[in-house]
Amino acid sequence: MIASLTLGKFGWILAIVLAVAMLGVFGAGGPALAKGPLGPASCMGQEAAALSPPGSSDEAPGGMVDLVAFAQSQPGHPGDTFKFIASFHEDDHAACDAALGG
């Protein structure tokens, strides 16, 4: 006989629990894959989310590679540029661009 028919009472409960758990895991993929951070984030987080994946932004088609190149082109250490961007905490990417003068 087919093995799934012989699970017994507890086997069916386990199968249902696993099915519900899988729906929960895969059902949560929508918000996790949404563009932009899902909560408060520094402007560094806003920028990184807006530029990822590469090719999704006209601002920096290369994604984070373009942002790193920009940071390296600025005077001083690239980490200082990232620290400066991260010091702003705006509500969204557009507000970060405005705060940074872009």
PDB file of N, CA and C in Angstrom:
ATOM      1  N   MET A   1       0.823  -1.176   0.000  1.00  0.00           N
ATOM      2  CA  MET A   1       0.000   0.000   0.000  1.00  0.00           C
ATOM      3  C   MET A   1       0.876   1.252   0.000  1.00  0.00           C
ATOM      4  N   ILE A   2       0.292   2.385  -0.316  1.00  0.00           N
ATOM      5  CA  ILE A   2       1.034   3.642  -0.350  1.00  0.00           C
ATOM      6  C   ILE A   2       1.392   4.058   1.073  1.00  0.00           C
ATOM      7  N   ALA A   3       2.636   4.473   1.269  1.00  0.00           N
ATOM      8  CA  ALA A   3       3.128   4.808   2.610  1.00  0.00           C
ATOM      9  C   ALA A   3       2.339   5.940   3.247  1.00  0.00           C
ATOM     10  N   SER A   4       1.890   6.924   2.455  1.00  0.00           N
ATOM     11  CA  SER A   4       1.167   8.061   3.023  1.00  0.00           C
ATOM     12  C   SER A   4      -0.173   7.648   3.620  1.00  0.00           C
ATOM     13  N   LEU A   5      -0.723   6.526   3.202  1.00  0.00           N
ATOM     14  CA  LEU A   5      -1.996   6.075   3.753  1.00  0.00           C
ATOM     15  C   LEU A   5      -1.813   5.383   5.092  1.00  0.00           C
ATOM     16  N   THR A   6      -0.593   5.016   5.428  1.00  0.00           N
ATOM     17  CA  THR A   6      -0.335   4.296   6.674  1.00  0.00           C
ATOM     18  C   THR A   6       0.373   5.178   7.698  1.00  0.00           C
ATOM     19  N   LEU A   7       0.199   6.487   7.623  1.00  0.00           N
ATOM     20  CA  LEU A   7       0.858   7.380   8.570  1.00  0.00           C
ATOM     21  C   LEU A   7       0.298   7.249   9.978  1.00  0.00           C
ATOM     22  N   GLY A   8      -0.929   6.865  10.095  1.00  0.00           N
ATOM     23  CA  GLY A   8      -1.549   6.783  11.412  1.00  0.00           C
ATOM     24  C   GLY A   8      -2.008   8.156  11.874  1.00  0.00           C
ATOM     25  N   LYS A   9      -2.615   8.176  13.036  1.00  0.00           N
ATOM     26  CA  LYS A   9      -3.192   9.409  13.578  1.00  0.00           C
ATOM     27  C   LYS A   9      -2.132  10.504  13.754  1.00  0.00           C
ATOM     28  N   PHE A  10      -1.015  10.188  14.401  1.00  0.00           N
ATOM     29  CA  PHE A  10       0.008  11.193  14.660  1.00  0.00           C
ATOM     30  C   PHE A  10       0.775  11.579  13.397  1.00  0.00           C
ATOM     31  N   GLY A  11       0.885  10.672  12.466  1.00  0.00           N
ATOM     32  CA  GLY A  11       1.536  10.980  11.198  1.00  0.00           C
ATOM     33  C   GLY A  11       0.771  12.022  10.410  1.00  0.00           C
ATOM     34  N   TRP A  12      -0.547  11.920  10.416  1.00  0.00           N
ATOM     35  CA  TRP A  12      -1.374  12.903   9.712  1.00  0.00           C
ATOM     36  C   TRP A  12      -1.287  14.260  10.395  1.00  0.00           C
ATOM     37  N   ILE A  13      -1.253  14.268  11.711  1.00  0.00           N
ATOM     38  CA  ILE A  13      -1.111  15.536  12.443  1.00  0.00           C
ATOM     39  C   ILE A  13       0.237  16.170  12.102  1.00  0.00           C
ATOM     40  N   LEU A  14       1.282  15.370  12.097  1.00  0.00           N
ATOM     41  CA  LEU A  14       2.611  15.867  11.739  1.00  0.00           C
ATOM     42  C   LEU A  14       2.623  16.407  10.313  1.00  0.00           C
ATOM     43  N   ALA A  15       1.977  15.704   9.395  1.00  0.00           N
ATOM     44  CA  ALA A  15       1.926  16.155   8.002  1.00  0.00           C
ATOM     45  C   ALA A  15       1.208  17.494   7.894  1.00  0.00           C
ATOM     46  N   ILE A  16       0.132  17.660   8.636  1.00  0.00           N
ATOM     47  CA  ILE A  16      -0.621  18.927   8.599  1.00  0.00           C
ATOM     48  C   ILE A  16       0.209  20.055   9.205  1.00  0.00           C
ATOM     49  N   VAL A  17       0.860  19.777  10.327  1.00  0.00           N
ATOM     50  CA  VAL A  17       1.704  20.792  10.967  1.00  0.00           C
ATOM     51  C   VAL A  17       2.833  21.211  10.022  1.00  0.00           C
ATOM     52  N   LEU A  18       3.463  20.260   9.381  1.00  0.00           N
ATOM     53  CA  LEU A  18       4.536  20.582   8.427  1.00  0.00           C
ATOM     54  C   LEU A  18       4.015  21.383   7.239  1.00  0.00           C
ATOM     55  N   ALA A  19       2.834  21.029   6.754  1.00  0.00           N
ATOM     56  CA  ALA A  19       2.256  21.771   5.627  1.00  0.00           C
ATOM     57  C   ALA A  19       1.968  23.213   6.021  1.00  0.00           C
ATOM     58  N   VAL A  20       1.428  23.428   7.210  1.00  0.00           N
ATOM     59  CA  VAL A  20       1.149  24.789   7.679  1.00  0.00           C
ATOM     60  C   VAL A  20       2.456  25.556   7.870  1.00  0.00           C
ATOM     61  N   ALA A  21       3.464  24.888   8.419  1.00  0.00           N
ATOM     62  CA  ALA A  21       4.761  25.534   8.606  1.00  0.00           C
ATOM     63  C   ALA A  21       5.371  25.944   7.267  1.00  0.00           C
ATOM     64  N   MET A  22       5.271  25.088   6.278  1.00  0.00           N
ATOM     65  CA  MET A  22       5.813  25.412   4.954  1.00  0.00           C
ATOM     66  C   MET A  22       5.074  26.599   4.338  1.00  0.00           C
ATOM     67  N   LEU A  23       3.773  26.646   4.512  1.00  0.00           N
ATOM     68  CA  LEU A  23       3.011  27.801   4.012  1.00  0.00           C
ATOM     69  C   LEU A  23       3.471  29.072   4.704  1.00  0.00           C
ATOM     70  N   GLY A  24       3.735  28.985   5.990  1.00  0.00           N
ATOM     71  CA  GLY A  24       4.225  30.145   6.720  1.00  0.00           C
ATOM     72  C   GLY A  24       5.571  30.614   6.235  1.00  0.00           C
ATOM     73  N   VAL A  25       6.457  29.670   5.981  1.00  0.00           N
ATOM     74  CA  VAL A  25       7.799  30.018   5.516  1.00  0.00           C
ATOM     75  C   VAL A  25       7.742  30.633   4.122  1.00  0.00           C
ATOM     76  N   PHE A  26       7.051  29.977   3.214  1.00  0.00           N
ATOM     77  CA  PHE A  26       7.005  30.485   1.843  1.00  0.00           C
ATOM     78  C   PHE A  26       6.056  31.660   1.706  1.00  0.00           C
ATOM     79  N   GLY A  27       5.058  31.739   2.540  1.00  0.00           N
ATOM     80  CA  GLY A  27       4.134  32.873   2.508  1.00  0.00           C
ATOM     81  C   GLY A  27       4.785  34.160   2.976  1.00  0.00           C
ATOM     82  N   ALA A  28       5.798  34.050   3.823  1.00  0.00           N
ATOM     83  CA  ALA A  28       6.507  35.228   4.325  1.00  0.00           C
ATOM     84  C   ALA A  28       7.510  35.749   3.306  1.00  0.00           C
ATOM     85  N   GLY A  29       7.691  35.061   2.198  1.00  0.00           N
ATOM     86  CA  GLY A  29       8.661  35.485   1.193  1.00  0.00           C
ATOM     87  C   GLY A  29       8.299  36.788   0.521  1.00  0.00           C
ATOM     88  N   GLY A  30       7.016  37.129   0.458  1.00  0.00           N
ATOM     89  CA  GLY A  30       6.604  38.374  -0.175  1.00  0.00           C
ATOM     90  C   GLY A  30       7.238  39.592   0.468  1.00  0.00           C
ATOM     91  N   PRO A  31       6.988  39.827   1.764  1.00  0.00           N
ATOM     92  CA  PRO A  31       7.607  40.979   2.403  1.00  0.00           C
ATOM     93  C   PRO A  31       9.126  40.894   2.433  1.00  0.00           C
ATOM     94  N   ALA A  32       9.670  39.700   2.575  1.00  0.00           N
ATOM     95  CA  ALA A  32      11.119  39.566   2.635  1.00  0.00           C
ATOM     96  C   ALA A  32      11.761  39.918   1.302  1.00  0.00           C
ATOM     97  N   LEU A  33      11.036  39.759   0.217  1.00  0.00           N
ATOM     98  CA  LEU A  33      11.578  40.065  -1.101  1.00  0.00           C
ATOM     99  C   LEU A  33      11.176  41.442  -1.594  1.00  0.00           C
ATOM    100  N   ALA A  34      10.441  42.199  -0.777  1.00  0.00           N
ATOM    101  CA  ALA A  34       9.993  43.525  -1.186  1.00  0.00           C
ATOM    102  C   ALA A  34      11.195  44.451  -1.323  1.00  0.00           C
ATOM    103  N   LYS A  35      11.077  45.432  -2.211  1.00  0.00           N
ATOM    104  CA  LYS A  35      12.165  46.370  -2.414  1.00  0.00           C
ATOM    105  C   LYS A  35      12.200  47.368  -1.272  1.00  0.00           C
ATOM    106  N   GLY A  36      13.343  47.535  -0.686  1.00  0.00           N
ATOM    107  CA  GLY A  36      13.519  48.474   0.405  1.00  0.00           C
ATOM    108  C   GLY A  36      13.521  47.774   1.752  1.00  0.00           C
ATOM    109  N   PRO A  37      14.106  48.437   2.742  1.00  0.00           N
ATOM    110  CA  PRO A  37      14.129  47.863   4.083  1.00  0.00           C
ATOM    111  C   PRO A  37      12.717  47.735   4.644  1.00  0.00           C
ATOM    112  N   LEU A  38      12.522  46.783   5.538  1.00  0.00           N
ATOM    113  CA  LEU A  38      11.206  46.541   6.125  1.00  0.00           C
ATOM    114  C   LEU A  38      11.021  47.255   7.453  1.00  0.00           C
ATOM    115  N   GLY A  39      11.795  48.223   7.728  1.00  0.00           N
ATOM    116  CA  GLY A  39      11.664  48.954   8.975  1.00  0.00           C
ATOM    117  C   GLY A  39      12.659  50.081   9.006  1.00  0.00           C
ATOM    118  N   PRO A  40      12.867  50.634  10.174  1.00  0.00           N
ATOM    119  CA  PRO A  40      13.829  51.728  10.281  1.00  0.00           C
ATOM    120  C   PRO A  40      15.203  51.288   9.778  1.00  0.00           C
ATOM    121  N   ALA A  41      15.809  52.139   9.008  1.00  0.00           N
ATOM    122  CA  ALA A  41      17.133  51.817   8.472  1.00  0.00           C
ATOM    123  C   ALA A  41      17.906  53.107   8.255  1.00  0.00           C
ATOM    124  N   SER A  42      19.209  53.009   8.344  1.00  0.00           N
ATOM    125  CA  SER A  42      20.032  54.164   8.028  1.00  0.00           C
ATOM    126  C   SER A  42      19.952  54.406   6.522  1.00  0.00           C
ATOM    127  N   CYS A  43      20.409  55.563   6.103  1.00  0.00           N
ATOM    128  CA  CYS A  43      20.394  55.836   4.665  1.00  0.00           C
ATOM    129  C   CYS A  43      21.341  54.895   3.916  1.00  0.00           C
ATOM    130  N   MET A  44      22.323  54.334   4.598  1.00  0.00           N
ATOM    131  CA  MET A  44      23.179  53.334   3.942  1.00  0.00           C
ATOM    132  C   MET A  44      22.341  52.105   3.615  1.00  0.00           C
ATOM    133  N   GLY A  45      21.492  51.704   4.541  1.00  0.00           N
ATOM    134  CA  GLY A  45      20.593  50.577   4.296  1.00  0.00           C
ATOM    135  C   GLY A  45      19.582  50.893   3.214  1.00  0.00           C
ATOM    136  N   GLN A  46      19.054  52.128   3.221  1.00  0.00           N
ATOM    137  CA  GLN A  46      18.100  52.553   2.189  1.00  0.00           C
ATOM    138  C   GLN A  46      18.761  52.512   0.814  1.00  0.00           C
ATOM    139  N   GLU A  47      19.970  53.033   0.723  1.00  0.00           N
ATOM    140  CA  GLU A  47      20.692  53.051  -0.559  1.00  0.00           C
ATOM    141  C   GLU A  47      20.997  51.634  -1.037  1.00  0.00           C
ATOM    142  N   ALA A  48      21.491  50.804  -0.130  1.00  0.00           N
ATOM    143  CA  ALA A  48      21.838  49.425  -0.508  1.00  0.00           C
ATOM    144  C   ALA A  48      20.603  48.682  -1.014  1.00  0.00           C
ATOM    145  N   ALA A  49      19.475  48.875  -0.334  1.00  0.00           N
ATOM    146  CA  ALA A  49      18.245  48.196  -0.746  1.00  0.00           C
ATOM    147  C   ALA A  49      17.756  48.720  -2.091  1.00  0.00           C
ATOM    148  N   ALA A  50      17.904  50.018  -2.316  1.00  0.00           N
ATOM    149  CA  ALA A  50      17.424  50.616  -3.564  1.00  0.00           C
ATOM    150  C   ALA A  50      18.281  50.207  -4.759  1.00  0.00           C
ATOM    151  N   LEU A  51      19.538  49.873  -4.521  1.00  0.00           N
ATOM    152  CA  LEU A  51      20.464  49.542  -5.610  1.00  0.00           C
ATOM    153  C   LEU A  51      20.558  48.045  -5.886  1.00  0.00           C
ATOM    154  N   SER A  52      19.919  47.256  -5.056  1.00  0.00           N
ATOM    155  CA  SER A  52      20.024  45.801  -5.192  1.00  0.00           C
ATOM    156  C   SER A  52      18.731  45.212  -5.720  1.00  0.00           C
ATOM    157  N   PRO A  53      18.815  44.239  -6.568  1.00  0.00           N
ATOM    158  CA  PRO A  53      20.000  43.653  -7.186  1.00  0.00           C
ATOM    159  C   PRO A  53      20.528  44.550  -8.305  1.00  0.00           C
ATOM    160  N   PRO A  54      21.764  44.315  -8.740  1.00  0.00           N
ATOM    161  CA  PRO A  54      22.323  45.113  -9.838  1.00  0.00           C
ATOM    162  C   PRO A  54      21.392  45.106 -11.043  1.00  0.00           C
ATOM    163  N   GLY A  55      21.276  46.277 -11.663  1.00  0.00           N
ATOM    164  CA  GLY A  55      20.408  46.421 -12.827  1.00  0.00           C
ATOM    165  C   GLY A  55      19.007  46.883 -12.496  1.00  0.00           C
ATOM    166  N   SER A  56      18.680  46.989 -11.197  1.00  0.00           N
ATOM    167  CA  SER A  56      17.325  47.378 -10.808  1.00  0.00           C
ATOM    168  C   SER A  56      17.186  48.875 -10.580  1.00  0.00           C
ATOM    169  N   SER A  57      18.271  49.627 -10.685  1.00  0.00           N
ATOM    170  CA  SER A  57      18.235  51.056 -10.409  1.00  0.00           C
ATOM    171  C   SER A  57      18.922  51.837 -11.522  1.00  0.00           C
ATOM    172  N   ASP A  58      18.269  52.905 -11.972  1.00  0.00           N
ATOM    173  CA  ASP A  58      18.905  53.797 -12.941  1.00  0.00           C
ATOM    174  C   ASP A  58      19.985  54.642 -12.274  1.00  0.00           C
ATOM    175  N   GLU A  59      19.851  54.842 -10.982  1.00  0.00           N
ATOM    176  CA  GLU A  59      20.799  55.650 -10.219  1.00  0.00           C
ATOM    177  C   GLU A  59      22.194  55.026 -10.221  1.00  0.00           C
ATOM    178  N   ALA A  60      22.254  53.716 -10.078  1.00  0.00           N
ATOM    179  CA  ALA A  60      23.516  52.983 -10.069  1.00  0.00           C
ATOM    180  C   ALA A  60      23.259  51.601 -10.655  1.00  0.00           C
ATOM    181  N   PRO A  61      23.305  51.480 -11.990  1.00  0.00           N
ATOM    182  CA  PRO A  61      22.959  50.206 -12.635  1.00  0.00           C
ATOM    183  C   PRO A  61      23.805  49.018 -12.175  1.00  0.00           C
ATOM    184  N   GLY A  62      25.004  49.284 -11.708  1.00  0.00           N
ATOM    185  CA  GLY A  62      25.878  48.202 -11.248  1.00  0.00           C
ATOM    186  C   GLY A  62      25.606  47.777  -9.818  1.00  0.00           C
ATOM    187  N   GLY A  63      24.631  48.414  -9.172  1.00  0.00           N
ATOM    188  CA  GLY A  63      24.296  48.059  -7.799  1.00  0.00           C
ATOM    189  C   GLY A  63      25.336  48.558  -6.817  1.00  0.00           C
ATOM    190  N   MET A  64      25.612  47.736  -5.821  1.00  0.00           N
ATOM    191  CA  MET A  64      26.558  48.127  -4.774  1.00  0.00           C
ATOM    192  C   MET A  64      27.963  48.347  -5.306  1.00  0.00           C
ATOM    193  N   VAL A  65      28.306  47.698  -6.400  1.00  0.00           N
ATOM    194  CA  VAL A  65      29.635  47.912  -7.004  1.00  0.00           C
ATOM    195  C   VAL A  65      29.782  49.387  -7.382  1.00  0.00           C
ATOM    196  N   ASP A  66      28.727  49.978  -7.932  1.00  0.00           N
ATOM    197  CA  ASP A  66      28.767  51.405  -8.285  1.00  0.00           C
ATOM    198  C   ASP A  66      28.873  52.281  -7.040  1.00  0.00           C
ATOM    199  N   LEU A  67      28.174  51.899  -5.969  1.00  0.00           N
ATOM    200  CA  LEU A  67      28.237  52.691  -4.733  1.00  0.00           C
ATOM    201  C   LEU A  67      29.634  52.626  -4.126  1.00  0.00           C
ATOM    202  N   VAL A  68      30.260  51.466  -4.167  1.00  0.00           N
ATOM    203  CA  VAL A  68      31.635  51.335  -3.658  1.00  0.00           C
ATOM    204  C   VAL A  68      32.582  52.183  -4.509  1.00  0.00           C
ATOM    205  N   ALA A  69      32.417  52.160  -5.818  1.00  0.00           N
ATOM    206  CA  ALA A  69      33.263  52.982  -6.702  1.00  0.00           C
ATOM    207  C   ALA A  69      33.079  54.461  -6.394  1.00  0.00           C
ATOM    208  N   PHE A  70      31.833  54.872  -6.130  1.00  0.00           N
ATOM    209  CA  PHE A  70      31.571  56.269  -5.754  1.00  0.00           C
ATOM    210  C   PHE A  70      32.304  56.598  -4.457  1.00  0.00           C
ATOM    211  N   ALA A  71      32.209  55.735  -3.453  1.00  0.00           N
ATOM    212  CA  ALA A  71      32.863  55.984  -2.167  1.00  0.00           C
ATOM    213  C   ALA A  71      34.373  56.068  -2.333  1.00  0.00           C
ATOM    214  N   GLN A  72      34.922  55.233  -3.189  1.00  0.00           N
ATOM    215  CA  GLN A  72      36.370  55.246  -3.410  1.00  0.00           C
ATOM    216  C   GLN A  72      36.819  56.494  -4.158  1.00  0.00           C
ATOM    217  N   SER A  73      35.916  57.144  -4.886  1.00  0.00           N
ATOM    218  CA  SER A  73      36.268  58.353  -5.635  1.00  0.00           C
ATOM    219  C   SER A  73      36.232  59.610  -4.769  1.00  0.00           C
ATOM    220  N   GLN A  74      35.693  59.495  -3.566  1.00  0.00           N
ATOM    221  CA  GLN A  74      35.586  60.651  -2.675  1.00  0.00           C
ATOM    222  C   GLN A  74      36.885  60.840  -1.908  1.00  0.00           C
ATOM    223  N   PRO A  75      37.161  62.096  -1.483  1.00  0.00           N
ATOM    224  CA  PRO A  75      38.375  62.321  -0.691  1.00  0.00           C
ATOM    225  C   PRO A  75      38.307  61.554   0.636  1.00  0.00           C
ATOM    226  N   GLY A  76      39.433  61.104   1.104  1.00  0.00           N
ATOM    227  CA  GLY A  76      39.479  60.376   2.366  1.00  0.00           C
ATOM    228  C   GLY A  76      39.274  58.891   2.153  1.00  0.00           C
ATOM    229  N   HIS A  77      39.025  58.206   3.244  1.00  0.00           N
ATOM    230  CA  HIS A  77      38.843  56.750   3.226  1.00  0.00           C
ATOM    231  C   HIS A  77      37.409  56.422   2.813  1.00  0.00           C
ATOM    232  N   PRO A  78      37.191  55.387   1.965  1.00  0.00           N
ATOM    233  CA  PRO A  78      35.823  55.026   1.571  1.00  0.00           C
ATOM    234  C   PRO A  78      34.902  54.752   2.763  1.00  0.00           C
ATOM    235  N   GLY A  79      35.460  54.241   3.841  1.00  0.00           N
ATOM    236  CA  GLY A  79      34.650  53.979   5.037  1.00  0.00           C
ATOM    237  C   GLY A  79      34.046  55.248   5.608  1.00  0.00           C
ATOM    238  N   ASP A  80      34.760  56.378   5.445  1.00  0.00           N
ATOM    239  CA  ASP A  80      34.223  57.656   5.934  1.00  0.00           C
ATOM    240  C   ASP A  80      32.971  58.050   5.154  1.00  0.00           C
ATOM    241  N   THR A  81      32.963  57.777   3.858  1.00  0.00           N
ATOM    242  CA  THR A  81      31.795  58.075   3.032  1.00  0.00           C
ATOM    243  C   THR A  81      30.614  57.221   3.478  1.00  0.00           C
ATOM    244  N   PHE A  82      30.853  55.929   3.688  1.00  0.00           N
ATOM    245  CA  PHE A  82      29.773  55.047   4.138  1.00  0.00           C
ATOM    246  C   PHE A  82      29.268  55.456   5.518  1.00  0.00           C
ATOM    247  N   LYS A  83      30.183  55.849   6.399  1.00  0.00           N
ATOM    248  CA  LYS A  83      29.798  56.286   7.746  1.00  0.00           C
ATOM    249  C   LYS A  83      28.934  57.548   7.668  1.00  0.00           C
ATOM    250  N   PHE A  84      29.297  58.469   6.790  1.00  0.00           N
ATOM    251  CA  PHE A  84      28.521  59.691   6.622  1.00  0.00           C
ATOM    252  C   PHE A  84      27.111  59.369   6.118  1.00  0.00           C
ATOM    253  N   ILE A  85      27.014  58.526   5.096  1.00  0.00           N
ATOM    254  CA  ILE A  85      25.701  58.151   4.559  1.00  0.00           C
ATOM    255  C   ILE A  85      24.870  57.456   5.636  1.00  0.00           C
ATOM    256  N   ALA A  86      25.502  56.576   6.397  1.00  0.00           N
ATOM    257  CA  ALA A  86      24.790  55.819   7.433  1.00  0.00           C
ATOM    258  C   ALA A  86      24.358  56.686   8.605  1.00  0.00           C
ATOM    259  N   SER A  87      24.934  57.880   8.743  1.00  0.00           N
ATOM    260  CA  SER A  87      24.574  58.748   9.867  1.00  0.00           C
ATOM    261  C   SER A  87      23.181  59.365   9.702  1.00  0.00           C
ATOM    262  N   PHE A  88      22.627  59.312   8.500  1.00  0.00           N
ATOM    263  CA  PHE A  88      21.279  59.824   8.254  1.00  0.00           C
ATOM    264  C   PHE A  88      20.272  58.683   8.421  1.00  0.00           C
ATOM    265  N   HIS A  89      19.138  58.986   8.984  1.00  0.00           N
ATOM    266  CA  HIS A  89      18.068  57.993   9.193  1.00  0.00           C
ATOM    267  C   HIS A  89      16.755  58.594   8.715  1.00  0.00           C
ATOM    268  N   GLU A  90      16.521  58.513   7.424  1.00  0.00           N
ATOM    269  CA  GLU A  90      15.298  59.060   6.831  1.00  0.00           C
ATOM    270  C   GLU A  90      14.283  57.934   6.630  1.00  0.00           C
ATOM    271  N   ASP A  91      13.053  58.310   6.265  1.00  0.00           N
ATOM    272  CA  ASP A  91      11.966  57.337   6.138  1.00  0.00           C
ATOM    273  C   ASP A  91      12.061  56.440   4.917  1.00  0.00           C
ATOM    274  N   ASP A  92      12.649  56.948   3.826  1.00  0.00           N
ATOM    275  CA  ASP A  92      12.716  56.150   2.608  1.00  0.00           C
ATOM    276  C   ASP A  92      13.885  56.602   1.754  1.00  0.00           C
ATOM    277  N   HIS A  93      14.067  55.936   0.638  1.00  0.00           N
ATOM    278  CA  HIS A  93      15.208  56.206  -0.239  1.00  0.00           C
ATOM    279  C   HIS A  93      15.176  57.626  -0.797  1.00  0.00           C
ATOM    280  N   ALA A  94      14.015  58.081  -1.209  1.00  0.00           N
ATOM    281  CA  ALA A  94      13.903  59.449  -1.762  1.00  0.00           C
ATOM    282  C   ALA A  94      14.288  60.490  -0.723  1.00  0.00           C
ATOM    283  N   ALA A  95      13.865  60.285   0.520  1.00  0.00           N
ATOM    284  CA  ALA A  95      14.208  61.231   1.587  1.00  0.00           C
ATOM    285  C   ALA A  95      15.704  61.198   1.872  1.00  0.00           C
ATOM    286  N   CYS A  96      16.311  60.035   1.775  1.00  0.00           N
ATOM    287  CA  CYS A  96      17.761  59.931   1.942  1.00  0.00           C
ATOM    288  C   CYS A  96      18.485  60.686   0.840  1.00  0.00           C
ATOM    289  N   ASP A  97      18.050  60.511  -0.385  1.00  0.00           N
ATOM    290  CA  ASP A  97      18.672  61.241  -1.489  1.00  0.00           C
ATOM    291  C   ASP A  97      18.567  62.746  -1.265  1.00  0.00           C
ATOM    292  N   ALA A  98      17.410  63.215  -0.820  1.00  0.00           N
ATOM    293  CA  ALA A  98      17.211  64.651  -0.565  1.00  0.00           C
ATOM    294  C   ALA A  98      18.127  65.123   0.579  1.00  0.00           C
ATOM    295  N   ALA A  99      18.220  64.335   1.653  1.00  0.00           N
ATOM    296  CA  ALA A  99      19.052  64.704   2.790  1.00  0.00           C
ATOM    297  C   ALA A  99      20.534  64.739   2.433  1.00  0.00           C
ATOM    298  N   LEU A 100      20.918  63.865   1.505  1.00  0.00           N
ATOM    299  CA  LEU A 100      22.320  63.791   1.089  1.00  0.00           C
ATOM    300  C   LEU A 100      22.634  64.769  -0.047  1.00  0.00           C
ATOM    301  N   GLY A 101      21.617  65.481  -0.500  1.00  0.00           N
ATOM    302  CA  GLY A 101      21.833  66.470  -1.550  1.00  0.00           C
ATOM    303  C   GLY A 101      21.855  65.863  -2.946  1.00  0.00           C
ATOM    304  N   GLY A 102      21.240  64.691  -3.117  1.00  0.00           N
ATOM    305  CA  GLY A 102      21.278  64.024  -4.421  1.00  0.00           C
ATOM    306  C   GLY A 102      19.972  63.996  -5.123  1.00  0.00           C
TER     307      GLY A 102
END
